[in-house]
Protein backbone atom coordinates (compact mmCIF):
# COMPACT_ATOMS: atom_id res chain seq x y z
CA MET A 1 38.72 -4.99 -10.10
CA LYS A 2 38.19 -5.42 -6.50
CA THR A 3 34.33 -7.02 -5.65
CA GLN A 4 32.23 -5.91 -3.44
CA SER A 5 33.06 -9.08 -1.34
CA ASP A 6 37.04 -7.91 -1.17
CA ILE A 7 36.35 -4.81 -0.09
CA MET A 8 34.85 -6.07 2.81
CA ASN A 9 37.51 -8.87 3.28
CA SER A 10 39.83 -5.91 3.37
CA GLU A 11 37.60 -3.81 5.58
CA LEU A 12 37.56 -6.25 8.49
CA GLY A 13 40.76 -7.66 8.18
CA ARG A 14 40.66 -10.99 6.60
CA GLU A 15 43.27 -12.97 4.72
CA ILE A 16 41.74 -14.49 1.59
CA SER A 17 42.83 -14.41 -1.48
CA PRO A 18 41.77 -14.88 -4.80
CA ASN A 19 41.82 -18.54 -5.04
CA GLY A 20 40.60 -19.00 -1.55
CA ASP A 21 43.47 -19.29 1.10
CA GLY A 22 42.01 -18.93 4.23
CA LEU A 23 38.88 -19.31 2.74
CA ALA A 24 36.40 -21.60 5.01
CA ILE A 25 33.47 -21.33 3.49
CA ARG A 26 32.18 -18.85 -0.10
CA ALA A 27 28.10 -18.90 -0.59
CA GLN A 28 27.79 -17.13 -3.91
CA ASN A 29 24.01 -16.37 -5.07
CA LEU A 30 22.70 -19.53 -2.72
CA THR A 31 18.42 -19.56 -3.06
CA LYS A 32 16.33 -21.55 -1.74
CA ILE A 33 12.97 -22.16 -3.58
CA TYR A 34 9.90 -24.36 -1.69
CA LYS A 35 7.01 -25.54 -4.22
CA LEU A 36 3.98 -24.33 -1.60
CA TYR A 37 0.44 -25.89 -3.27
CA ASP A 38 -2.75 -24.76 -1.33
CA ARG A 39 -4.44 -27.72 -1.68
CA SER A 40 -3.53 -30.99 -1.08
CA VAL A 41 -4.43 -32.88 -3.96
CA ASP A 42 -2.62 -29.60 -6.24
CA ARG A 43 0.61 -31.97 -6.18
CA LEU A 44 -0.92 -34.66 -7.96
CA LYS A 45 -2.70 -33.10 -10.38
CA GLU A 46 0.43 -30.77 -11.03
CA SER A 47 2.34 -34.18 -11.29
CA LEU A 48 -0.40 -35.89 -13.76
CA HIS A 49 -1.16 -32.61 -15.55
CA PRO A 50 -0.89 -33.82 -19.36
CA LEU A 51 -0.39 -30.17 -20.45
CA ARG A 52 2.29 -29.93 -17.46
CA ARG A 53 -0.39 -26.85 -15.80
CA ILE A 54 1.00 -25.57 -13.25
CA TYR A 55 -0.45 -26.00 -8.90
CA HIS A 56 2.12 -24.48 -7.35
CA HIS A 57 3.10 -21.01 -6.02
CA ASP A 58 7.65 -20.22 -5.14
CA PHE A 59 8.07 -19.38 -2.19
CA TYR A 60 11.77 -18.40 -1.68
CA ALA A 61 13.69 -19.05 1.32
CA LEU A 62 16.67 -18.02 0.61
CA LYS A 63 17.44 -15.70 -2.61
CA ASP A 64 20.42 -14.96 -4.20
CA VAL A 65 22.66 -14.48 -0.89
CA SER A 66 26.58 -14.65 -1.22
CA PHE A 67 29.28 -14.05 1.57
CA ASP A 68 33.05 -15.92 1.93
CA ILE A 69 33.66 -16.90 5.61
CA GLY A 70 37.57 -16.95 6.71
CA LYS A 71 39.16 -20.08 8.54
CA GLY A 72 38.96 -18.92 12.86
CA GLU A 73 35.96 -16.78 12.18
CA THR A 74 33.12 -16.46 14.45
CA PHE A 75 30.18 -15.73 12.34
CA GLY A 76 26.85 -14.62 13.65
CA ILE A 77 23.73 -15.28 11.78
CA ILE A 78 21.01 -13.19 12.55
CA GLY A 79 17.27 -12.55 11.57
CA ARG A 80 13.36 -12.34 12.42
CA ASN A 81 11.92 -15.36 12.06
CA GLY A 82 10.75 -17.51 9.09
CA SER A 83 13.61 -14.63 8.32
CA GLY A 84 15.70 -18.56 6.70
CA LYS A 85 18.33 -18.51 9.05
CA SER A 86 17.92 -21.85 9.34
CA THR A 87 17.77 -22.75 6.09
CA LEU A 88 20.64 -21.55 5.78
CA LEU A 89 22.71 -23.79 8.04
CA LYS A 90 20.96 -26.27 6.70
CA ILE A 91 21.90 -26.01 3.64
CA ILE A 92 25.85 -25.17 4.84
CA ALA A 93 25.56 -28.20 7.09
CA GLY A 94 24.18 -30.38 3.57
CA VAL A 95 21.27 -31.23 5.22
CA LEU A 96 19.39 -29.71 2.59
CA THR A 97 20.68 -28.76 -1.02
CA PRO A 98 20.24 -25.68 -2.90
CA SER A 99 17.43 -25.11 -5.43
CA GLY A 100 21.05 -22.86 -7.03
CA GLY A 101 24.02 -20.86 -6.63
CA ASN A 102 26.89 -22.68 -5.34
CA LEU A 103 28.54 -23.52 -1.66
CA GLU A 104 32.02 -24.29 -1.19
CA VAL A 105 32.54 -25.63 2.47
CA ARG A 106 36.70 -26.31 3.09
CA GLY A 107 36.88 -28.46 6.51
CA LYS A 108 34.71 -31.05 8.47
CA VAL A 109 31.51 -29.81 9.96
CA SER A 110 29.51 -30.77 12.79
CA ALA A 111 26.63 -29.12 13.52
CA LEU A 112 24.01 -28.47 16.32
CA LEU A 113 21.01 -27.85 14.30
CA GLU A 114 17.10 -27.52 15.81
CA LEU A 115 16.38 -29.38 18.65
CA GLY A 116 15.50 -33.10 17.08
CA ILE A 117 17.86 -33.02 14.01
CA GLY A 118 20.43 -35.89 13.90
CA PHE A 119 19.10 -38.65 16.15
CA ASN A 120 17.36 -41.77 16.06
CA PRO A 121 14.69 -41.24 19.15
CA ASP A 122 14.35 -45.07 19.06
CA LEU A 123 18.30 -45.46 19.94
CA THR A 124 19.84 -45.06 23.06
CA GLY A 125 22.38 -41.89 24.02
CA ARG A 126 25.48 -44.14 23.52
CA GLU A 127 24.03 -45.49 20.65
CA ASN A 128 23.30 -42.09 18.91
CA ILE A 129 26.55 -41.03 19.26
CA TYR A 130 28.08 -44.47 17.27
CA PHE A 131 25.23 -43.25 14.67
CA SER A 132 25.82 -40.31 13.99
CA GLY A 133 30.07 -40.63 13.72
CA THR A 134 29.26 -42.85 11.60
CA ILE A 135 27.37 -40.73 9.04
CA MET A 136 29.77 -38.02 9.56
CA GLY A 137 32.27 -40.57 8.76
CA PHE A 138 34.08 -41.96 11.30
CA SER A 139 35.09 -45.87 11.91
CA ARG A 140 33.69 -47.69 15.32
CA GLU A 141 37.92 -47.46 16.90
CA GLU A 142 37.51 -43.60 16.08
CA MET A 143 34.74 -43.12 17.83
CA ASP A 144 35.70 -45.64 21.04
CA ALA A 145 39.08 -42.57 21.54
CA LYS A 146 36.06 -40.08 21.77
CA VAL A 147 32.89 -41.54 23.63
CA ASP A 148 34.45 -40.84 26.99
CA ASP A 149 35.26 -36.70 26.32
CA ILE A 150 31.74 -37.49 24.75
CA LEU A 151 30.32 -38.54 27.82
CA SER A 152 31.88 -36.19 30.53
CA PHE A 153 30.67 -32.74 28.72
CA ALA A 154 27.31 -34.11 28.73
CA ASP A 155 27.51 -35.07 32.36
CA ILE A 156 23.49 -36.44 31.43
CA GLY A 157 24.70 -40.00 33.95
CA ASP A 158 22.81 -43.10 33.49
CA PHE A 159 20.53 -41.44 31.11
CA ILE A 160 23.40 -41.91 28.11
CA ASN A 161 21.93 -45.65 28.09
CA GLN A 162 18.23 -44.79 27.75
CA PRO A 163 16.05 -44.08 24.46
CA VAL A 164 16.50 -40.41 23.03
CA LYS A 165 12.93 -40.49 22.77
CA THR A 166 12.90 -40.21 26.70
CA PHE A 167 15.59 -37.38 27.23
CA SER A 168 14.09 -33.91 28.57
CA SER A 169 15.30 -30.79 26.15
CA GLY A 170 17.78 -30.08 28.38
CA MET A 171 19.70 -33.62 28.09
CA PHE A 172 19.18 -33.64 24.55
CA VAL A 173 20.16 -30.46 24.36
CA ARG A 174 23.74 -31.68 26.12
CA LEU A 175 24.43 -34.50 24.00
CA ALA A 176 23.57 -32.87 20.91
CA PHE A 177 26.77 -30.44 21.75
CA ALA A 178 29.00 -32.52 22.96
CA LEU A 179 29.12 -34.97 20.30
CA ALA A 180 29.45 -31.67 18.15
CA THR A 181 32.01 -30.58 19.81
CA ASN A 182 33.99 -33.41 21.17
CA VAL A 183 34.78 -35.18 17.36
CA ASP A 184 37.74 -32.16 16.68
CA PRO A 185 35.15 -30.23 13.80
CA ASP A 186 36.94 -27.62 11.65
CA ILE A 187 33.84 -25.63 11.06
CA LEU A 188 30.85 -26.00 14.06
CA ILE A 189 27.28 -24.90 13.48
CA ILE A 190 25.29 -24.07 16.39
CA ASP A 191 21.54 -23.19 15.60
CA GLU A 192 19.79 -21.44 19.01
CA ALA A 193 19.47 -24.61 20.43
CA LEU A 194 21.59 -23.54 23.20
CA SER A 195 18.90 -21.10 24.69
CA VAL A 196 16.98 -25.14 26.22
CA GLY A 197 20.46 -25.49 28.22
CA ASP A 198 20.71 -24.20 31.58
CA ILE A 199 22.68 -21.50 32.63
CA PHE A 200 26.09 -23.64 33.77
CA PHE A 201 25.68 -25.89 30.68
CA GLN A 202 25.98 -22.40 29.00
CA THR A 203 28.58 -21.38 30.28
CA LYS A 204 30.19 -24.85 29.84
CA CYS A 205 29.30 -24.14 25.97
CA TYR A 206 31.00 -20.72 26.41
CA LYS A 207 34.29 -21.66 27.75
CA LYS A 208 34.12 -24.12 24.55
CA PHE A 209 33.60 -21.78 22.53
CA ASP A 210 36.64 -19.46 23.24
CA GLN A 211 38.01 -22.86 23.08
CA PHE A 212 37.49 -23.15 19.63
CA GLN A 213 38.57 -19.78 18.71
CA GLN A 214 41.89 -19.92 20.33
CA MET A 215 42.53 -23.04 18.27
CA GLY A 216 41.05 -21.04 14.86
CA LYS A 217 37.82 -23.14 14.34
CA THR A 218 35.73 -21.26 12.03
CA ILE A 219 31.81 -21.07 13.64
CA LEU A 220 28.28 -19.90 12.35
CA PHE A 221 26.63 -18.95 15.00
CA VAL A 222 22.86 -18.34 14.56
CA THR A 223 20.55 -16.69 17.91
CA HIS A 224 18.68 -14.19 18.95
CA ALA A 225 20.61 -13.24 22.19
CA LEU A 226 22.44 -10.18 20.55
CA ASP A 227 25.01 -9.48 23.42
CA ASN A 228 26.40 -12.96 22.51
CA VAL A 229 26.68 -11.87 19.00
CA ILE A 230 27.89 -8.74 19.55
CA ARG A 231 30.62 -10.67 22.10
CA TYR A 232 31.74 -13.51 20.39
CA CYS A 233 30.99 -12.53 16.56
CA GLN A 234 33.66 -11.42 14.48
CA ARG A 235 30.83 -10.46 11.88
CA GLY A 236 27.62 -11.21 11.07
CA ILE A 237 24.38 -11.30 8.39
CA VAL A 238 21.27 -10.38 8.76
CA LEU A 239 18.52 -11.84 6.90
CA GLU A 240 15.04 -11.34 6.16
CA ASN A 241 12.60 -12.79 4.25
CA GLY A 242 15.04 -15.35 2.16
CA VAL A 243 17.46 -11.98 1.63
CA MET A 244 20.43 -10.95 2.96
CA LEU A 245 20.69 -7.30 4.26
CA ILE A 246 24.39 -6.18 5.26
CA ASP A 247 27.14 -8.29 5.86
CA SER A 248 29.17 -6.71 8.12
CA ASP A 249 30.91 -6.56 11.50
CA ALA A 250 28.89 -7.71 14.03
CA LYS A 251 27.91 -4.32 15.42
CA SER A 252 27.06 -3.24 12.33
CA ALA A 253 24.94 -6.38 12.06
CA VAL A 254 22.93 -5.97 15.34
CA ASP A 255 22.14 -2.09 14.64
CA VAL A 256 20.54 -2.99 11.26
CA TYR A 257 19.01 -5.83 13.51
CA LYS A 258 17.42 -3.19 16.21
CA LYS A 259 16.34 -0.65 13.00
CA LEU A 260 13.96 -3.86 11.30
CA MET A 261 12.73 -4.90 14.55
CA VAL A 262 10.73 -1.80 14.52
CA ASN A 263 10.83 -1.49 10.43
CA CYS A 264 12.75 2.12 10.46
CA TYR A 265 15.21 0.10 8.62
CA GLU A 266 15.70 1.12 4.58
CA ASN A 267 18.12 -0.63 2.41
CA GLY A 268 21.33 1.24 2.38
CA ASP A 269 20.32 3.34 4.84
CA ASP A 270 23.46 5.14 7.26
CA ASN A 271 22.97 4.22 10.93
CA GLU A 272 24.08 7.63 11.76
CA LYS A 273 21.98 9.66 9.47
CA ASN A 274 19.69 9.46 11.84
CA GLY A 275 21.90 10.56 15.02
CA ASP A 276 20.30 14.54 15.02
CA LYS A 277 18.39 14.42 18.25
CA ASN A 278 15.61 16.83 16.63
CA VAL A 279 14.54 13.49 14.66
CA ILE A 280 12.82 12.45 18.40
CA GLU A 281 11.39 15.96 19.24
CA ASN A 282 10.11 15.74 15.95
CA TRP A 283 8.92 12.35 15.64
CA THR A 284 5.68 11.76 13.48
CA THR A 285 5.77 9.10 11.41
CA GLY A 286 3.04 7.35 13.79
CA GLN A 287 2.98 6.48 17.45
CA VAL A 288 6.57 5.87 19.03
CA CYS A 289 4.65 3.41 21.39
CA GLN A 290 4.11 0.81 18.81
CA LYS A 291 7.84 0.42 17.84
CA CYS A 292 8.50 -0.46 21.31
CA LEU A 293 7.52 -3.53 23.88
CA VAL A 294 4.80 -2.38 25.09
CA ASN A 295 3.67 -4.31 28.87
CA PRO A 296 0.16 -5.39 27.91
CA HIS A 297 -0.66 -6.13 31.44
CA ALA A 298 0.95 -2.43 32.95
CA THR A 299 -0.78 -0.82 35.03
CA ILE A 300 -1.97 2.79 34.83
CA TYR A 301 -3.64 5.07 37.41
CA GLY A 302 -4.35 8.82 38.30
CA ASP A 303 -6.36 11.27 38.54
CA GLY A 304 -6.68 11.82 35.38
CA ARG A 305 -5.71 15.44 35.02
CA VAL A 306 -3.36 14.09 32.08
CA GLU A 307 -2.85 11.84 30.12
CA ILE A 308 0.70 10.41 28.34
CA VAL A 309 -0.45 9.91 25.45
CA ASP A 310 2.63 8.54 23.30
CA TYR A 311 5.88 7.36 24.83
CA GLY A 312 9.17 5.73 23.97
CA VAL A 313 12.75 4.73 24.41
CA PHE A 314 15.28 6.23 21.53
CA ASP A 315 18.80 4.99 20.89
CA LYS A 316 21.61 7.39 19.62
CA ASN A 317 20.72 7.64 16.00
CA GLY A 318 17.00 8.45 17.60
CA VAL A 319 15.47 5.25 16.17
CA PRO A 320 12.25 4.17 19.10
CA GLY A 321 12.63 0.49 19.96
CA HIS A 322 13.55 -2.34 22.84
CA LEU A 323 17.36 -2.64 22.51
CA PHE A 324 19.94 -0.96 23.09
CA PHE A 325 23.74 -1.19 23.73
CA ASN A 326 25.34 -0.15 26.91
CA ASN A 327 27.10 2.86 27.63
CA GLU A 328 25.66 3.81 24.75
CA PRO A 329 23.04 7.57 24.53
CA CYS A 330 19.59 6.79 24.46
CA SER A 331 16.54 8.68 25.59
CA VAL A 332 12.98 8.22 27.57
CA TRP A 333 10.74 10.00 25.95
CA MET A 334 6.90 10.75 26.64
CA LYS A 335 3.89 13.31 25.46
CA VAL A 336 1.64 14.58 27.84
CA VAL A 337 -1.26 15.94 27.22
CA PHE A 338 -2.93 18.80 30.38
CA LYS A 339 -6.60 18.22 30.75
CA GLU A 340 -6.49 20.73 33.30
CA ASP A 341 -4.45 23.96 34.23
CA ILE A 342 -1.63 22.32 36.23
CA GLU A 343 0.99 23.76 38.30
CA ASN A 344 4.79 23.20 37.75
CA PRO A 345 4.31 19.09 37.26
CA ILE A 346 6.74 16.68 37.61
CA PHE A 347 7.71 14.34 35.14
CA ALA A 348 9.52 11.12 35.84
CA PHE A 349 11.18 7.79 34.53
CA THR A 350 12.10 4.81 36.43
CA ILE A 351 13.91 1.88 35.43
CA LYS A 352 13.54 -1.53 37.04
CA ASP A 353 14.84 -5.27 36.94
CA LEU A 354 12.81 -8.20 35.85
CA LYS A 355 12.08 -8.76 39.84
CA GLY A 356 11.17 -5.65 40.68
CA MET A 357 14.16 -4.12 41.92
CA ASP A 358 15.13 -0.27 40.79
CA ILE A 359 17.46 -0.35 39.14
CA SER A 360 17.59 3.59 38.70
CA GLY A 361 14.90 6.67 37.58
CA THR A 362 15.44 10.54 37.89
CA ASN A 363 12.55 13.46 37.80
CA SER A 364 12.58 16.55 36.15
CA LEU A 365 12.25 17.91 40.36
CA TYR A 366 15.54 16.09 40.90
CA GLU A 367 17.74 17.11 37.58
CA ASP A 368 16.22 21.01 38.32
CA ALA A 369 14.23 21.39 35.02
CA VAL A 370 12.34 23.89 34.54
CA SER A 371 8.57 23.57 35.27
CA ILE A 372 6.04 26.23 34.41
CA ARG A 373 2.38 26.51 34.96
CA TYR A 374 0.88 24.22 32.24
CA LEU A 375 -2.43 24.93 30.41
CA GLN A 376 -5.74 23.04 29.59
CA GLY A 377 -5.36 21.53 25.98
CA GLU A 378 -1.65 21.96 26.25
CA THR A 379 0.72 19.23 24.52
CA VAL A 380 4.37 18.56 26.40
CA VAL A 381 7.12 16.65 24.94
CA ILE A 382 9.95 15.69 27.92
CA GLN A 383 13.11 13.65 26.53
CA PHE A 384 15.47 12.53 29.41
CA ASP A 385 18.91 11.82 27.80
CA GLN A 386 21.59 9.38 29.38
CA ARG A 387 23.85 6.87 28.58
CA LEU A 388 22.97 3.42 29.41
CA ASN A 389 25.86 1.40 31.48
CA MET A 390 23.98 -1.83 32.92
CA ALA A 391 24.51 -5.32 32.97
CA SER A 392 22.85 -7.33 30.09
CA GLY A 393 18.90 -8.00 30.37
CA GLN A 394 15.80 -7.16 30.37
CA TYR A 395 14.63 -4.24 32.27
CA LEU A 396 10.52 -2.65 32.85
CA LEU A 397 10.33 1.11 32.62
CA SER A 398 7.78 3.03 34.25
CA LEU A 399 6.31 6.88 33.61
CA GLY A 400 4.94 9.36 35.79
CA CYS A 401 3.57 12.67 35.60
CA THR A 402 3.06 13.84 39.05
CA GLY A 403 2.86 17.42 41.34
CA PHE A 404 1.91 18.73 44.91
CA GLN A 405 -1.18 20.95 45.81
CA GLY A 406 0.00 22.71 48.89
CA ASP A 407 1.71 19.97 50.70
CA GLN A 408 -0.52 17.06 49.19
CA PHE A 409 1.03 15.17 46.50
CA LEU A 410 -0.66 13.95 43.62
CA VAL A 411 -0.03 11.30 41.08
CA TYR A 412 -2.05 12.64 37.57
CA GLN A 413 -1.13 9.81 35.91
CA ARG A 414 1.22 6.94 35.73
CA LEU A 415 2.49 4.32 33.33
CA TYR A 416 4.14 1.49 35.90
CA ASP A 417 5.79 -1.06 34.08
CA ILE A 418 4.79 -0.11 31.08
CA LEU A 419 7.54 -0.67 28.45
CA CYS A 420 10.23 -3.31 27.77
CA PHE A 421 13.92 -2.70 27.33
CA GLU A 422 16.94 -4.98 26.61
CA VAL A 423 20.28 -3.64 27.13
CA ILE A 424 23.36 -5.40 25.06
CA SER A 425 26.97 -5.49 26.70
CA TYR A 426 30.39 -5.58 24.75
CA LYS A 427 31.73 -6.47 27.81
CA LYS A 428 31.28 -8.89 30.83
CA PHE A 429 30.74 -7.54 34.67
CA VAL A 430 29.65 -8.41 38.06
CA GLY A 431 26.59 -6.71 39.09
CA LEU A 432 23.76 -4.27 37.68
CA TYR A 433 25.91 -1.57 36.48
CA ASP A 434 29.88 -1.24 34.65
CA MET A 435 31.83 1.28 37.74
CA LYS A 436 34.04 2.33 34.34
CA SER A 437 36.76 0.34 36.28
CA SER A 438 40.43 0.98 35.01
CA ILE A 439 42.87 -1.51 36.13
CA LYS A 440 46.83 -0.84 36.41
CA ILE A 441 49.16 -3.59 36.75
CA LYS A 442 52.68 -2.40 38.90
CA LYS A 443 55.35 -5.05 39.19
CA ILE A 444 57.49 -3.04 42.06
CA GLY A 445 60.85 -4.18 41.77
CA GLU A 446 62.95 -5.50 44.65
CA ILE A 447 63.89 -4.07 47.16
CA PRO A 448 67.33 -2.99 48.03
CA ILE A 449 69.23 -4.47 50.95
CA CYS A 450 70.80 -1.81 53.06
CA ASN A 451 74.09 -3.12 55.05
CA GLU A 452 75.01 -0.82 57.96
């Protein structure tokens, strides 16, 4: 009889036989418990109490986490801060011992964990290369053969002969990543630390990722950059309070994480169940803006004739939030209360990048939407439906209600840069938006020579 893990392996196209062939890592009911004490003296009292009185309470950093990772997979681990991601990686890397469950790791592991782990701060960068190599089981001669590649990749110059405690965070990450990737591991573990490096070094690292994937290496990747999870990971899990919520393809895992971020996830729910746009129109679960990322420093102004009392951005499933996929439907939504009678108001939104450049926007006048006379006390819900085809990145949303009184243009209320949202893209392209280009490449045959 097939287990749930077997079914998942089959659905994702992984070839893992019952005896574990093709398996890199197998975790079964991994649990990590920490004893927490309200006061430091309680630890001593517990250890000395003649009747073994308990003064601590258990904290589950991980609880019954199970999954299989096949050889050659790039595996994403995502979750909110404190969800257990780093704890899980440390257990796989051998830095921590689990409190319960079983872990099987096949192959040589190299880990780039959170900043500061693995290096002796009093040793120089060069000495730490050999020191770390010894811990990983390499001889001095073996590290001699690798050190030039490590130094070339790290590219930190003469600082390699200075104590690591004098390194900047960027130099530290350069050396740590260079060491982790140039000792030919079977399994590479990366924990968020790459976010410290500059853009050029990150590009260099992702090229290394590509090389590792082509070589059939296994990569475990923890990051809050969800576009990288989509782009580089075949699979992913989501952790919350030490519990694994889902083990699925990367796209589905990110979908669950998006819901989790706005407290809209229910265990076992179907992402497509909320696809009806009526969910947006009839939103009643608190204020939508509380589910989004509101800018506390937004500029709000107008003559007070209307008030935009609620607003937000919804994904294709009718879930409000601040994380959205490129080329998927989304809806900009606002609720407006009229304080006076107003004829033909104009409802608008604008999207800008973080530098203030206008990216896109529209309004009810441009879209020829029907606008009528609204009376004092009436409430209107406005919904703009469109597809996001913008590049990966963060953007600011402005909302407004304006209109004309004769020839005079009036701003009834404008919420300037009121929301921040992020777009995650499956693919790479140059510039601000995806033109949906298609490419045809045709090889022209030899032109016959005409002899006259």
